[in-house]
Amino acid sequence: MEHVCSIIASMLRNLKSQQRSRLLNKFTENDCEKVDRLMELHFKYLEAVQQADKRIEGEKHEMVRRGEILDDAMEDEFYLRRLDAGLFVLQLICYIM
């Protein structure tokens, strides 16, 4: 799904007027079924990212409770975990919408 969303986002970014209009018209065909699918994907990936955020917040709370320091490397690790959980695809879907 990540690759498909990336391709569509890239096409929206790089296509010129007539080609871009043709792509956008695809989203209105068949009673906007592609928009409905985008919304389904949005909620799916949003939920996955929210669950990852809850786990990360729990880990942060536990680390603070133990007196550990949250350094930049740990914050980077948490960000990478959010990306793995679907944040990148969610951002692409939002861009497409």
Protein backbone atom coordinates (compact mmCIF):
# COMPACT_ATOMS: atom_id res chain seq x y z
CA MET A 1 0.00 0.00 0.00
CA GLU A 2 2.91 2.31 0.78
CA HIS A 3 4.21 2.05 -2.77
CA VAL A 4 0.82 2.72 -4.35
CA CYS A 5 0.23 5.77 -2.18
CA SER A 6 3.73 7.01 -2.91
CA ILE A 7 3.17 6.67 -6.66
CA ILE A 8 -0.18 8.48 -6.56
CA ALA A 9 1.25 11.29 -4.41
CA SER A 10 4.19 11.62 -6.79
CA MET A 11 1.86 11.75 -9.77
CA LEU A 12 -0.24 14.46 -8.13
CA ARG A 13 2.90 16.43 -7.40
CA ASN A 14 4.45 16.12 -10.87
CA LEU A 15 1.70 15.84 -13.47
CA LYS A 16 0.70 18.89 -15.47
CA SER A 17 -2.80 20.28 -15.93
CA GLN A 18 -4.58 17.86 -18.30
CA GLN A 19 -2.88 14.73 -16.98
CA ARG A 20 -3.49 15.82 -13.41
CA SER A 21 -7.16 16.46 -14.18
CA ARG A 22 -7.47 12.95 -15.62
CA LEU A 23 -5.96 11.50 -12.45
CA LEU A 24 -8.27 13.53 -10.23
CA ASN A 25 -11.28 12.44 -12.32
CA LYS A 26 -10.42 8.84 -11.43
CA PHE A 27 -11.31 9.67 -7.84
CA THR A 28 -14.84 10.73 -8.84
CA GLU A 29 -15.66 7.65 -10.91
CA ASN A 30 -18.09 4.99 -9.64
CA ASP A 31 -19.69 7.21 -7.02
CA CYS A 32 -16.30 8.27 -5.58
CA GLU A 33 -15.34 4.74 -4.54
CA LYS A 34 -11.62 5.63 -4.57
CA VAL A 35 -12.25 8.48 -2.13
CA ASP A 36 -14.14 6.06 0.10
CA ARG A 37 -11.17 3.67 -0.05
CA LEU A 38 -8.81 6.52 0.82
CA MET A 39 -10.95 7.30 3.86
CA GLU A 40 -10.90 3.64 4.93
CA LEU A 41 -7.14 3.57 4.62
CA HIS A 42 -6.84 6.86 6.48
CA PHE A 43 -8.74 5.53 9.48
CA LYS A 44 -6.88 2.21 9.38
CA TYR A 45 -3.45 3.83 9.44
CA LEU A 46 -4.54 6.53 11.88
CA GLU A 47 -5.61 3.84 14.35
CA ALA A 48 -2.32 1.97 13.90
CA VAL A 49 -0.30 5.13 14.53
CA GLN A 50 -2.41 6.01 17.56
CA GLN A 51 -1.80 2.55 19.03
CA ALA A 52 1.94 2.94 18.43
CA ASP A 53 1.81 6.36 20.08
CA LYS A 54 0.11 4.86 23.16
CA ARG A 55 2.80 2.18 23.42
CA ILE A 56 5.55 4.76 23.00
CA GLU A 57 4.01 7.07 25.61
CA GLY A 58 3.82 4.13 28.02
CA GLU A 59 7.48 3.35 27.42
CA LYS A 60 8.43 7.01 27.89
CA HIS A 61 6.51 7.14 31.15
CA GLU A 62 8.21 3.96 32.34
CA MET A 63 11.65 5.30 31.38
CA VAL A 64 11.01 8.56 33.26
CA ARG A 65 9.76 6.59 36.26
CA ARG A 66 13.03 4.60 36.28
CA GLY A 67 15.01 7.83 36.02
CA GLU A 68 16.32 7.23 32.50
CA ILE A 69 17.03 10.15 30.23
CA LEU A 70 15.16 10.50 26.96
CA ASP A 71 17.90 11.62 24.60
CA ASP A 72 17.72 12.48 20.90
CA ALA A 73 18.68 8.94 19.89
CA MET A 74 15.73 7.53 21.82
CA GLU A 75 13.37 10.13 20.32
CA ASP A 76 14.64 9.15 16.88
CA GLU A 77 13.94 5.50 17.69
CA PHE A 78 10.39 6.37 18.73
CA TYR A 79 9.89 8.34 15.51
CA LEU A 80 11.13 5.42 13.41
CA ARG A 81 8.71 3.13 15.22
CA ARG A 82 5.86 5.51 14.40
CA LEU A 83 6.91 5.47 10.75
CA ASP A 84 6.97 1.66 10.80
CA ALA A 85 3.51 1.62 12.35
CA GLY A 86 2.11 3.49 9.36
CA LEU A 87 2.84 7.19 9.86
CA PHE A 88 4.48 7.56 6.46
CA VAL A 89 1.53 5.99 4.63
CA LEU A 90 -0.89 8.09 6.68
CA GLN A 91 0.98 11.24 5.65
CA LEU A 92 0.84 10.18 1.99
CA ILE A 93 -2.89 9.50 2.23
CA CYS A 94 -3.46 12.92 3.76
CA TYR A 95 -1.45 14.52 0.97
CA ILE A 96 -3.51 12.68 -1.66
CA MET A 97 -6.76 13.76 -0.03
